[in-house]
Amino acid sequence: MDIRYIQSFVTTVECGSIAEAARRLDLTSAALAARVRALEEELGTPLVKRSGRSVKPTAAGLNILDSARSMLREERDLRAMATKELPVGELRLGTFVSALTTVLPPVLRKLYAEHPDLSVSVVSNGSVELCRMVASGELDAAVVVEPQFAIPKTCEWRPLMDEPLVVVAPRELADGDPHELLRTQPFIRYDRTVWGGQLADRYLRDHGIRPHQRLEINGLMSIAVMIDHGLGVSLLPDWSALWSGGLSIARVSLPDKAPVRRIGFIWGVQSPHAHLANLFLEHAEAVFRSNGSTRRKARK
């Protein structure tokens, strides 16, 4: 069974169009349609059906779709293992949402400058789910908030940077006492279902601070925009993107040693793309070493 025919079938289903799939695979529409027909003849059943200009899988096509995708992944993995000393292949990378705008761009910029042919497939999710996906082999690696559970033996973890908790307030309150701001100003709470929100909640309880909560929300930038509109103050990880959006907000440091949200990298040591994960990690560590003046580098 020709793997090119399987790739043509999967791409056609994902694009929903013969013409678009042909463009993606750099083929003519006639050549791509011929590949799909050849696969159908080999399997003895139609796999796709036309509906106007769109193409949809038949029941038989749906039945084999997941297996076909697995065959393509295994073929990529086989090539990666055969050339593992070279930085080629596709890195299946996960990242939690806020890292999409802070961690990923500078690291990928440095990585592609040296390895322009490298391919990276990115999935965004919560850190706990990303760790599970790396452990199960669905992802090769992920940028996550430090796991609060034992790292599986099939994985390794490396810290990249710390983000200490700070009070984020409207700019006109920049000179205020941080604890007094938390006690007296309307409070926008960072969602307690995520680790950064749990750290903030623990800090408030440990210091006997009972804020006047206005709302609770997941999304650091969303909270920052609300503070910019004068809706209150918050206790958040010192996420660099908060200060680059032109918002009228201020960072007010806590009076004692602040808890930190630690950001790091987890990867599967037995993954066929472990060499690519290590390449990404190498460039990530270089980026955050060079940014040491603005971000606190995590201790290993």
C-alpha atoms as a PDB file:
ATOM      1  CA  MET A   1       0.000   0.000   0.000  1.00  0.00           C
ATOM      2  CA  ASP A   2       1.578   3.274  -1.163  1.00  0.00           C
ATOM      3  CA  ILE A   3       1.909   5.762   1.730  1.00  0.00           C
ATOM      4  CA  ARG A   4       1.452   8.606  -0.776  1.00  0.00           C
ATOM      5  CA  TYR A   5      -2.058   7.374  -1.552  1.00  0.00           C
ATOM      6  CA  ILE A   6      -2.882   7.335   2.168  1.00  0.00           C
ATOM      7  CA  GLN A   7      -1.516  10.863   2.569  1.00  0.00           C
ATOM      8  CA  SER A   8      -3.639  12.020  -0.379  1.00  0.00           C
ATOM      9  CA  PHE A   9      -6.767  10.501   1.148  1.00  0.00           C
ATOM     10  CA  VAL A  10      -6.175  12.001   4.609  1.00  0.00           C
ATOM     11  CA  THR A  11      -5.312  15.443   3.226  1.00  0.00           C
ATOM     12  CA  THR A  12      -8.416  15.411   1.014  1.00  0.00           C
ATOM     13  CA  VAL A  13     -10.647  14.634   3.995  1.00  0.00           C
ATOM     14  CA  GLU A  14      -8.962  17.271   6.184  1.00  0.00           C
ATOM     15  CA  CYS A  15      -9.219  19.940   3.478  1.00  0.00           C
ATOM     16  CA  GLY A  16     -12.699  18.939   2.320  1.00  0.00           C
ATOM     17  CA  SER A  17     -11.633  19.757  -1.209  1.00  0.00           C
ATOM     18  CA  ILE A  18      -9.676  18.007  -3.951  1.00  0.00           C
ATOM     19  CA  ALA A  19      -8.340  21.336  -5.213  1.00  0.00           C
ATOM     20  CA  GLU A  20      -7.163  22.525  -1.782  1.00  0.00           C
ATOM     21  CA  ALA A  21      -5.600  19.145  -0.956  1.00  0.00           C
ATOM     22  CA  ALA A  22      -3.783  19.170  -4.297  1.00  0.00           C
ATOM     23  CA  ARG A  23      -2.390  22.656  -3.561  1.00  0.00           C
ATOM     24  CA  ARG A  24      -1.218  21.553  -0.131  1.00  0.00           C
ATOM     25  CA  LEU A  25       0.560  18.488  -1.541  1.00  0.00           C
ATOM     26  CA  ASP A  26       1.875  20.340  -4.604  1.00  0.00           C
ATOM     27  CA  LEU A  27      -0.016  18.090  -7.045  1.00  0.00           C
ATOM     28  CA  THR A  28      -2.517  18.653  -9.803  1.00  0.00           C
ATOM     29  CA  SER A  29      -6.139  17.947  -8.895  1.00  0.00           C
ATOM     30  CA  ALA A  30      -6.165  15.106 -11.453  1.00  0.00           C
ATOM     31  CA  ALA A  31      -3.073  13.492  -9.923  1.00  0.00           C
ATOM     32  CA  LEU A  32      -4.469  13.695  -6.398  1.00  0.00           C
ATOM     33  CA  ALA A  33      -7.858  12.285  -7.475  1.00  0.00           C
ATOM     34  CA  ALA A  34      -6.037   9.432  -9.222  1.00  0.00           C
ATOM     35  CA  ARG A  35      -4.181   8.574  -6.011  1.00  0.00           C
ATOM     36  CA  VAL A  36      -7.407   8.480  -4.001  1.00  0.00           C
ATOM     37  CA  ARG A  37      -9.071   6.295  -6.659  1.00  0.00           C
ATOM     38  CA  ALA A  38      -6.094   3.926  -6.604  1.00  0.00           C
ATOM     39  CA  LEU A  39      -6.445   3.548  -2.825  1.00  0.00           C
ATOM     40  CA  GLU A  40     -10.185   2.936  -3.191  1.00  0.00           C
ATOM     41  CA  GLU A  41      -9.524   0.243  -5.795  1.00  0.00           C
ATOM     42  CA  GLU A  42      -6.938  -1.402  -3.570  1.00  0.00           C
ATOM     43  CA  LEU A  43      -9.355  -1.470  -0.623  1.00  0.00           C
ATOM     44  CA  GLY A  44     -12.353  -2.315  -2.768  1.00  0.00           C
ATOM     45  CA  THR A  45     -14.652   0.442  -1.505  1.00  0.00           C
ATOM     46  CA  PRO A  46     -15.301   4.188  -2.054  1.00  0.00           C
ATOM     47  CA  LEU A  47     -13.591   6.343   0.583  1.00  0.00           C
ATOM     48  CA  VAL A  48     -14.796   9.836  -0.383  1.00  0.00           C
ATOM     49  CA  LYS A  49     -17.887  11.318  -1.983  1.00  0.00           C
ATOM     50  CA  ARG A  50     -18.373  14.656  -3.716  1.00  0.00           C
ATOM     51  CA  SER A  51     -21.019  17.134  -2.589  1.00  0.00           C
ATOM     52  CA  GLY A  52     -20.876  20.134  -4.897  1.00  0.00           C
ATOM     53  CA  ARG A  53     -17.322  21.458  -4.691  1.00  0.00           C
ATOM     54  CA  SER A  54     -16.634  19.812  -1.335  1.00  0.00           C
ATOM     55  CA  VAL A  55     -15.529  16.277  -0.592  1.00  0.00           C
ATOM     56  CA  LYS A  56     -16.598  14.220   2.420  1.00  0.00           C
ATOM     57  CA  PRO A  57     -15.525  10.787   3.632  1.00  0.00           C
ATOM     58  CA  THR A  58     -17.876   7.853   3.166  1.00  0.00           C
ATOM     59  CA  ALA A  59     -18.665   5.544   6.087  1.00  0.00           C
ATOM     60  CA  ALA A  60     -15.748   3.362   4.995  1.00  0.00           C
ATOM     61  CA  GLY A  61     -13.521   6.425   4.771  1.00  0.00           C
ATOM     62  CA  LEU A  62     -14.417   7.439   8.325  1.00  0.00           C
ATOM     63  CA  ASN A  63     -13.721   3.905   9.512  1.00  0.00           C
ATOM     64  CA  ILE A  64     -10.127   3.979   8.284  1.00  0.00           C
ATOM     65  CA  LEU A  65      -9.343   7.668   8.882  1.00  0.00           C
ATOM     66  CA  ASP A  66      -7.756   7.312  12.329  1.00  0.00           C
ATOM     67  CA  SER A  67      -5.707   4.310  11.228  1.00  0.00           C
ATOM     68  CA  ALA A  68      -4.584   6.176   8.124  1.00  0.00           C
ATOM     69  CA  ARG A  69      -3.422   9.103  10.247  1.00  0.00           C
ATOM     70  CA  SER A  70      -1.564   6.687  12.525  1.00  0.00           C
ATOM     71  CA  MET A  71       0.205   5.183   9.514  1.00  0.00           C
ATOM     72  CA  LEU A  72       1.353   8.646   8.451  1.00  0.00           C
ATOM     73  CA  ARG A  73       2.635   9.408  11.973  1.00  0.00           C
ATOM     74  CA  GLU A  74       4.470   6.077  12.087  1.00  0.00           C
ATOM     75  CA  GLU A  75       6.027   6.765   8.698  1.00  0.00           C
ATOM     76  CA  ARG A  76       7.256  10.184   9.927  1.00  0.00           C
ATOM     77  CA  ASP A  77       8.561   8.575  13.107  1.00  0.00           C
ATOM     78  CA  LEU A  78      10.415   5.933  11.107  1.00  0.00           C
ATOM     79  CA  ARG A  79      12.122   8.611   9.048  1.00  0.00           C
ATOM     80  CA  ALA A  80      12.970  10.549  12.196  1.00  0.00           C
ATOM     81  CA  MET A  81      14.555   7.508  13.852  1.00  0.00           C
ATOM     82  CA  ALA A  82      16.570   6.761  10.723  1.00  0.00           C
ATOM     83  CA  THR A  83      17.996  10.298  10.707  1.00  0.00           C
ATOM     84  CA  LYS A  84      17.948  11.084  14.417  1.00  0.00           C
ATOM     85  CA  GLU A  85      21.366  12.710  14.344  1.00  0.00           C
ATOM     86  CA  LEU A  86      19.966  15.347  11.982  1.00  0.00           C
ATOM     87  CA  PRO A  87      17.512  18.122  12.981  1.00  0.00           C
ATOM     88  CA  VAL A  88      14.801  16.986  10.566  1.00  0.00           C
ATOM     89  CA  GLY A  89      11.244  15.775  10.999  1.00  0.00           C
ATOM     90  CA  GLU A  90       8.192  17.184  12.762  1.00  0.00           C
ATOM     91  CA  LEU A  91       8.184  18.055  16.453  1.00  0.00           C
ATOM     92  CA  ARG A  92       4.739  17.575  18.007  1.00  0.00           C
ATOM     93  CA  LEU A  93       4.790  20.328  20.637  1.00  0.00           C
ATOM     94  CA  GLY A  94       2.209  21.326  23.236  1.00  0.00           C
ATOM     95  CA  THR A  95       1.989  24.635  25.067  1.00  0.00           C
ATOM     96  CA  PHE A  96      -0.339  26.209  27.615  1.00  0.00           C
ATOM     97  CA  VAL A  97      -2.195  29.270  26.361  1.00  0.00           C
ATOM     98  CA  SER A  98      -0.133  32.172  27.739  1.00  0.00           C
ATOM     99  CA  ALA A  99       3.121  30.571  26.556  1.00  0.00           C
ATOM    100  CA  LEU A 100       1.896  30.900  22.963  1.00  0.00           C
ATOM    101  CA  THR A 101       2.765  34.600  23.022  1.00  0.00           C
ATOM    102  CA  THR A 102       5.721  34.658  25.440  1.00  0.00           C
ATOM    103  CA  VAL A 103       7.734  31.441  25.164  1.00  0.00           C
ATOM    104  CA  LEU A 104       7.038  30.159  21.672  1.00  0.00           C
ATOM    105  CA  PRO A 105       7.784  33.169  19.387  1.00  0.00           C
ATOM    106  CA  PRO A 106      11.350  33.982  20.573  1.00  0.00           C
ATOM    107  CA  VAL A 107      12.349  30.312  20.783  1.00  0.00           C
ATOM    108  CA  LEU A 108      10.966  29.457  17.338  1.00  0.00           C
ATOM    109  CA  ARG A 109      12.626  32.537  15.857  1.00  0.00           C
ATOM    110  CA  LYS A 110      16.014  31.365  17.117  1.00  0.00           C
ATOM    111  CA  LEU A 111      15.323  27.742  16.173  1.00  0.00           C
ATOM    112  CA  TYR A 112      14.251  28.481  12.597  1.00  0.00           C
ATOM    113  CA  ALA A 113      17.178  30.836  12.084  1.00  0.00           C
ATOM    114  CA  GLU A 114      19.488  27.830  12.450  1.00  0.00           C
ATOM    115  CA  HIS A 115      17.176  25.054  11.193  1.00  0.00           C
ATOM    116  CA  PRO A 116      14.800  26.537   8.598  1.00  0.00           C
ATOM    117  CA  ASP A 117      13.564  23.140   7.384  1.00  0.00           C
ATOM    118  CA  LEU A 118      12.370  21.987  10.797  1.00  0.00           C
ATOM    119  CA  SER A 119       8.609  21.444  11.111  1.00  0.00           C
ATOM    120  CA  VAL A 120       6.724  22.038  14.371  1.00  0.00           C
ATOM    121  CA  SER A 121       3.098  21.089  14.999  1.00  0.00           C
ATOM    122  CA  VAL A 122       1.649  23.025  17.962  1.00  0.00           C
ATOM    123  CA  VAL A 123      -1.244  22.017  20.224  1.00  0.00           C
ATOM    124  CA  SER A 124      -2.583  24.343  22.936  1.00  0.00           C
ATOM    125  CA  ASN A 125      -4.174  22.972  26.116  1.00  0.00           C
ATOM    126  CA  GLY A 126      -3.979  23.053  29.895  1.00  0.00           C
ATOM    127  CA  SER A 127      -0.675  22.012  31.458  1.00  0.00           C
ATOM    128  CA  VAL A 128      -2.051  18.896  33.170  1.00  0.00           C
ATOM    129  CA  GLU A 129      -3.547  17.596  29.922  1.00  0.00           C
ATOM    130  CA  LEU A 130      -0.356  18.412  28.008  1.00  0.00           C
ATOM    131  CA  CYS A 131       1.717  16.398  30.472  1.00  0.00           C
ATOM    132  CA  ARG A 132      -0.642  13.460  29.967  1.00  0.00           C
ATOM    133  CA  MET A 133      -0.312  13.767  26.178  1.00  0.00           C
ATOM    134  CA  VAL A 134       3.481  13.735  26.387  1.00  0.00           C
ATOM    135  CA  ALA A 135       3.444  10.705  28.678  1.00  0.00           C
ATOM    136  CA  SER A 136       1.107   8.829  26.314  1.00  0.00           C
ATOM    137  CA  GLY A 137       3.164   9.666  23.223  1.00  0.00           C
ATOM    138  CA  GLU A 138       0.509  11.905  21.629  1.00  0.00           C
ATOM    139  CA  LEU A 139       3.007  14.774  21.867  1.00  0.00           C
ATOM    140  CA  ASP A 140       6.789  14.718  21.787  1.00  0.00           C
ATOM    141  CA  ALA A 141       7.168  17.603  24.243  1.00  0.00           C
ATOM    142  CA  ALA A 142       5.343  20.520  25.840  1.00  0.00           C
ATOM    143  CA  VAL A 143       5.903  23.902  27.473  1.00  0.00           C
ATOM    144  CA  VAL A 144       3.939  23.732  30.732  1.00  0.00           C
ATOM    145  CA  VAL A 145       3.526  25.175  34.176  1.00  0.00           C
ATOM    146  CA  GLU A 146       5.515  22.974  36.566  1.00  0.00           C
ATOM    147  CA  PRO A 147       3.534  19.762  37.251  1.00  0.00           C
ATOM    148  CA  GLN A 148       2.309  19.344  40.814  1.00  0.00           C
ATOM    149  CA  PHE A 149       2.613  15.557  40.566  1.00  0.00           C
ATOM    150  CA  ALA A 150       5.372  13.039  39.937  1.00  0.00           C
ATOM    151  CA  ILE A 151       6.852  13.170  36.441  1.00  0.00           C
ATOM    152  CA  PRO A 152       6.337   9.828  34.626  1.00  0.00           C
ATOM    153  CA  LYS A 153       9.531   7.792  34.289  1.00  0.00           C
ATOM    154  CA  THR A 154       9.222   7.986  30.500  1.00  0.00           C
ATOM    155  CA  CYS A 155       9.528  11.789  30.647  1.00  0.00           C
ATOM    156  CA  GLU A 156      11.994  14.456  31.723  1.00  0.00           C
ATOM    157  CA  TRP A 157      11.292  17.966  33.003  1.00  0.00           C
ATOM    158  CA  ARG A 158      13.495  21.055  32.849  1.00  0.00           C
ATOM    159  CA  PRO A 159      12.580  24.485  34.325  1.00  0.00           C
ATOM    160  CA  LEU A 160      12.993  27.532  32.095  1.00  0.00           C
ATOM    161  CA  MET A 161      11.902  30.549  34.135  1.00  0.00           C
ATOM    162  CA  ASP A 162      10.017  31.758  37.201  1.00  0.00           C
ATOM    163  CA  GLU A 163       7.136  34.228  37.210  1.00  0.00           C
ATOM    164  CA  PRO A 164       6.697  35.631  40.758  1.00  0.00           C
ATOM    165  CA  LEU A 165       3.255  36.747  41.893  1.00  0.00           C
ATOM    166  CA  VAL A 166       2.711  40.512  41.819  1.00  0.00           C
ATOM    167  CA  VAL A 167      -0.213  42.810  42.460  1.00  0.00           C
ATOM    168  CA  VAL A 168      -1.449  44.250  39.161  1.00  0.00           C
ATOM    169  CA  ALA A 169      -3.260  47.560  39.649  1.00  0.00           C
ATOM    170  CA  PRO A 170      -4.324  50.645  37.675  1.00  0.00           C
ATOM    171  CA  ARG A 171      -1.318  52.877  37.054  1.00  0.00           C
ATOM    172  CA  GLU A 172      -2.568  55.602  39.387  1.00  0.00           C
ATOM    173  CA  LEU A 173      -2.310  53.100  42.283  1.00  0.00           C
ATOM    174  CA  ALA A 174       1.296  52.137  41.502  1.00  0.00           C
ATOM    175  CA  ASP A 175       2.594  53.588  44.797  1.00  0.00           C
ATOM    176  CA  GLY A 176       0.042  51.785  46.960  1.00  0.00           C
ATOM    177  CA  ASP A 177       0.859  49.185  49.583  1.00  0.00           C
ATOM    178  CA  PRO A 178       0.296  45.787  47.908  1.00  0.00           C
ATOM    179  CA  HIS A 179      -1.541  44.175  50.837  1.00  0.00           C
ATOM    180  CA  GLU A 180      -3.659  47.273  51.360  1.00  0.00           C
ATOM    181  CA  LEU A 181      -4.600  47.268  47.671  1.00  0.00           C
ATOM    182  CA  LEU A 182      -5.661  43.632  47.932  1.00  0.00           C
ATOM    183  CA  ARG A 183      -7.744  44.348  51.044  1.00  0.00           C
ATOM    184  CA  THR A 184      -9.473  47.530  49.919  1.00  0.00           C
ATOM    185  CA  GLN A 185      -9.795  47.534  46.142  1.00  0.00           C
ATOM    186  CA  PRO A 186     -12.315  45.453  44.145  1.00  0.00           C
ATOM    187  CA  PHE A 187     -10.559  42.168  43.416  1.00  0.00           C
ATOM    188  CA  ILE A 188     -10.426  40.274  40.121  1.00  0.00           C
ATOM    189  CA  ARG A 189      -9.444  36.734  41.003  1.00  0.00           C
ATOM    190  CA  TYR A 190      -7.310  34.552  38.730  1.00  0.00           C
ATOM    191  CA  ASP A 191      -9.160  31.276  38.179  1.00  0.00           C
ATOM    192  CA  ARG A 192      -8.423  28.823  41.010  1.00  0.00           C
ATOM    193  CA  THR A 193      -8.677  25.814  38.692  1.00  0.00           C
ATOM    194  CA  VAL A 194      -5.233  26.728  37.287  1.00  0.00           C
ATOM    195  CA  TRP A 195      -1.966  26.632  39.221  1.00  0.00           C
ATOM    196  CA  GLY A 196      -1.293  30.380  39.111  1.00  0.00           C
ATOM    197  CA  GLY A 197      -4.732  31.046  40.579  1.00  0.00           C
ATOM    198  CA  GLN A 198      -4.151  28.456  43.287  1.00  0.00           C
ATOM    199  CA  LEU A 199      -0.841  30.114  44.224  1.00  0.00           C
ATOM    200  CA  ALA A 200      -2.587  33.477  44.527  1.00  0.00           C
ATOM    201  CA  ASP A 201      -5.390  32.018  46.629  1.00  0.00           C
ATOM    202  CA  ARG A 202      -2.896  30.360  48.972  1.00  0.00           C
ATOM    203  CA  TYR A 203      -0.964  33.618  49.391  1.00  0.00           C
ATOM    204  CA  LEU A 204      -4.118  35.523  50.316  1.00  0.00           C
ATOM    205  CA  ARG A 205      -5.118  32.894  52.880  1.00  0.00           C
ATOM    206  CA  ASP A 206      -1.606  32.658  54.366  1.00  0.00           C
ATOM    207  CA  HIS A 207      -1.572  36.434  54.925  1.00  0.00           C
ATOM    208  CA  GLY A 208      -5.136  36.709  56.213  1.00  0.00           C
ATOM    209  CA  ILE A 209      -6.256  38.869  53.294  1.00  0.00           C
ATOM    210  CA  ARG A 210      -9.968  38.679  52.461  1.00  0.00           C
ATOM    211  CA  PRO A 211     -10.383  40.607  49.203  1.00  0.00           C
ATOM    212  CA  HIS A 212     -13.629  42.130  47.956  1.00  0.00           C
ATOM    213  CA  GLN A 213     -13.989  39.795  45.017  1.00  0.00           C
ATOM    214  CA  ARG A 214     -15.688  41.256  41.973  1.00  0.00           C
ATOM    215  CA  LEU A 215     -15.263  38.303  39.598  1.00  0.00           C
ATOM    216  CA  GLU A 216     -13.128  35.241  38.912  1.00  0.00           C
ATOM    217  CA  ILE A 217     -11.789  34.572  35.433  1.00  0.00           C
ATOM    218  CA  ASN A 218      -9.205  32.473  33.593  1.00  0.00           C
ATOM    219  CA  GLY A 219      -7.094  34.581  31.242  1.00  0.00           C
ATOM    220  CA  LEU A 220      -4.233  36.813  32.312  1.00  0.00           C
ATOM    221  CA  MET A 221      -4.633  39.305  29.501  1.00  0.00           C
ATOM    222  CA  SER A 222      -8.383  39.503  30.047  1.00  0.00           C
ATOM    223  CA  ILE A 223      -7.773  40.375  33.694  1.00  0.00           C
ATOM    224  CA  ALA A 224      -5.183  42.984  32.693  1.00  0.00           C
ATOM    225  CA  VAL A 225      -7.652  44.675  30.330  1.00  0.00           C
ATOM    226  CA  MET A 226     -10.267  44.802  33.093  1.00  0.00           C
ATOM    227  CA  ILE A 227      -7.752  46.410  35.437  1.00  0.00           C
ATOM    228  CA  ASP A 228      -6.916  48.915  32.696  1.00  0.00           C
ATOM    229  CA  HIS A 229     -10.639  49.797  32.642  1.00  0.00           C
ATOM    230  CA  GLY A 230     -10.574  50.496  36.373  1.00  0.00           C
ATOM    231  CA  LEU A 231     -12.508  47.407  37.472  1.00  0.00           C
ATOM    232  CA  GLY A 232     -10.139  46.434  40.272  1.00  0.00           C
ATOM    233  CA  VAL A 233      -6.780  44.876  41.121  1.00  0.00           C
ATOM    234  CA  SER A 234      -5.492  41.323  40.916  1.00  0.00           C
ATOM    235  CA  LEU A 235      -2.734  39.000  42.140  1.00  0.00           C
ATOM    236  CA  LEU A 236      -1.089  37.428  39.103  1.00  0.00           C
ATOM    237  CA  PRO A 237       2.099  35.754  37.845  1.00  0.00           C
ATOM    238  CA  ASP A 238       4.469  38.386  36.462  1.00  0.00           C
ATOM    239  CA  TRP A 239       3.755  37.426  32.845  1.00  0.00           C
ATOM    240  CA  SER A 240       5.826  39.537  30.454  1.00  0.00           C
ATOM    241  CA  ALA A 241       3.002  40.050  27.928  1.00  0.00           C
ATOM    242  CA  LEU A 242       1.045  42.055  30.520  1.00  0.00           C
ATOM    243  CA  TRP A 243       3.499  44.924  30.176  1.00  0.00           C
ATOM    244  CA  SER A 244       3.860  45.016  26.393  1.00  0.00           C
ATOM    245  CA  GLY A 245       0.269  45.783  25.402  1.00  0.00           C
ATOM    246  CA  GLY A 246       0.227  49.502  26.190  1.00  0.00           C
ATOM    247  CA  LEU A 247      -2.236  49.102  29.075  1.00  0.00           C
ATOM    248  CA  SER A 248      -2.380  51.661  31.888  1.00  0.00           C
ATOM    249  CA  ILE A 249      -1.488  49.133  34.600  1.00  0.00           C
ATOM    250  CA  ALA A 250       1.284  48.847  37.166  1.00  0.00           C
ATOM    251  CA  ARG A 251       3.267  46.057  38.805  1.00  0.00           C
ATOM    252  CA  VAL A 252       3.326  46.286  42.615  1.00  0.00           C
ATOM    253  CA  SER A 253       5.775  43.848  44.196  1.00  0.00           C
ATOM    254  CA  LEU A 254       4.781  41.857  47.269  1.00  0.00           C
ATOM    255  CA  PRO A 255       6.570  42.807  50.531  1.00  0.00           C
ATOM    256  CA  ASP A 256       8.071  39.405  51.206  1.00  0.00           C
ATOM    257  CA  LYS A 257       9.338  36.534  49.059  1.00  0.00           C
ATOM    258  CA  ALA A 258       6.649  35.987  46.442  1.00  0.00           C
ATOM    259  CA  PRO A 259       5.437  32.546  45.355  1.00  0.00           C
ATOM    260  CA  VAL A 260       6.382  31.755  41.762  1.00  0.00           C
ATOM    261  CA  ARG A 261       4.707  30.114  38.823  1.00  0.00           C
ATOM    262  CA  ARG A 262       7.499  28.062  37.282  1.00  0.00           C
ATOM    263  CA  ILE A 263       7.469  27.524  33.521  1.00  0.00           C
ATOM    264  CA  GLY A 264       9.336  24.598  32.042  1.00  0.00           C
ATOM    265  CA  PHE A 265       9.668  21.921  29.399  1.00  0.00           C
ATOM    266  CA  ILE A 266       8.610  18.267  29.539  1.00  0.00           C
ATOM    267  CA  TRP A 267       9.500  15.725  26.864  1.00  0.00           C
ATOM    268  CA  GLY A 268       9.285  12.007  26.223  1.00  0.00           C
ATOM    269  CA  VAL A 269      12.765  10.515  26.452  1.00  0.00           C
ATOM    270  CA  GLN A 270      11.719   7.518  24.321  1.00  0.00           C
ATOM    271  CA  SER A 271       9.940   9.586  21.672  1.00  0.00           C
ATOM    272  CA  PRO A 272      11.280   9.091  18.127  1.00  0.00           C
ATOM    273  CA  HIS A 273      11.560  12.892  18.051  1.00  0.00           C
ATOM    274  CA  ALA A 274      13.398  13.228  21.358  1.00  0.00           C
ATOM    275  CA  HIS A 275      16.370  14.705  19.484  1.00  0.00           C
ATOM    276  CA  LEU A 276      14.081  17.485  18.191  1.00  0.00           C
ATOM    277  CA  ALA A 277      12.707  18.077  21.689  1.00  0.00           C
ATOM    278  CA  ASN A 278      16.256  18.451  22.996  1.00  0.00           C
ATOM    279  CA  LEU A 279      17.031  20.854  20.164  1.00  0.00           C
ATOM    280  CA  PHE A 280      14.020  23.002  21.123  1.00  0.00           C
ATOM    281  CA  LEU A 281      15.066  22.890  24.789  1.00  0.00           C
ATOM    282  CA  GLU A 282      18.612  23.937  23.925  1.00  0.00           C
ATOM    283  CA  HIS A 283      17.344  27.016  22.098  1.00  0.00           C
ATOM    284  CA  ALA A 284      14.758  27.799  24.786  1.00  0.00           C
ATOM    285  CA  GLU A 285      17.419  27.785  27.501  1.00  0.00           C
ATOM    286  CA  ALA A 286      19.605  30.066  25.382  1.00  0.00           C
ATOM    287  CA  VAL A 287      16.717  32.521  24.904  1.00  0.00           C
ATOM    288  CA  PHE A 288      15.881  32.727  28.597  1.00  0.00           C
ATOM    289  CA  ARG A 289      19.522  33.028  29.612  1.00  0.00           C
ATOM    290  CA  SER A 290      19.776  36.074  27.367  1.00  0.00           C
ATOM    291  CA  ASN A 291      16.557  37.494  28.864  1.00  0.00           C
ATOM    292  CA  GLY A 292      17.793  37.097  32.416  1.00  0.00           C
ATOM    293  CA  SER A 293      17.585  40.829  33.106  1.00  0.00           C
ATOM    294  CA  THR A 294      13.819  40.852  32.581  1.00  0.00           C
ATOM    295  CA  ARG A 295      12.845  37.342  33.635  1.00  0.00           C
ATOM    296  CA  ARG A 296      14.066  35.398  36.612  1.00  0.00           C
ATOM    297  CA  LYS A 297      15.735  32.233  35.389  1.00  0.00           C
ATOM    298  CA  ALA A 298      14.577  29.176  37.285  1.00  0.00           C
ATOM    299  CA  ARG A 299      17.150  27.239  39.261  1.00  0.00           C
ATOM    300  CA  LYS A 300      17.596  23.620  38.194  1.00  0.00           C
END
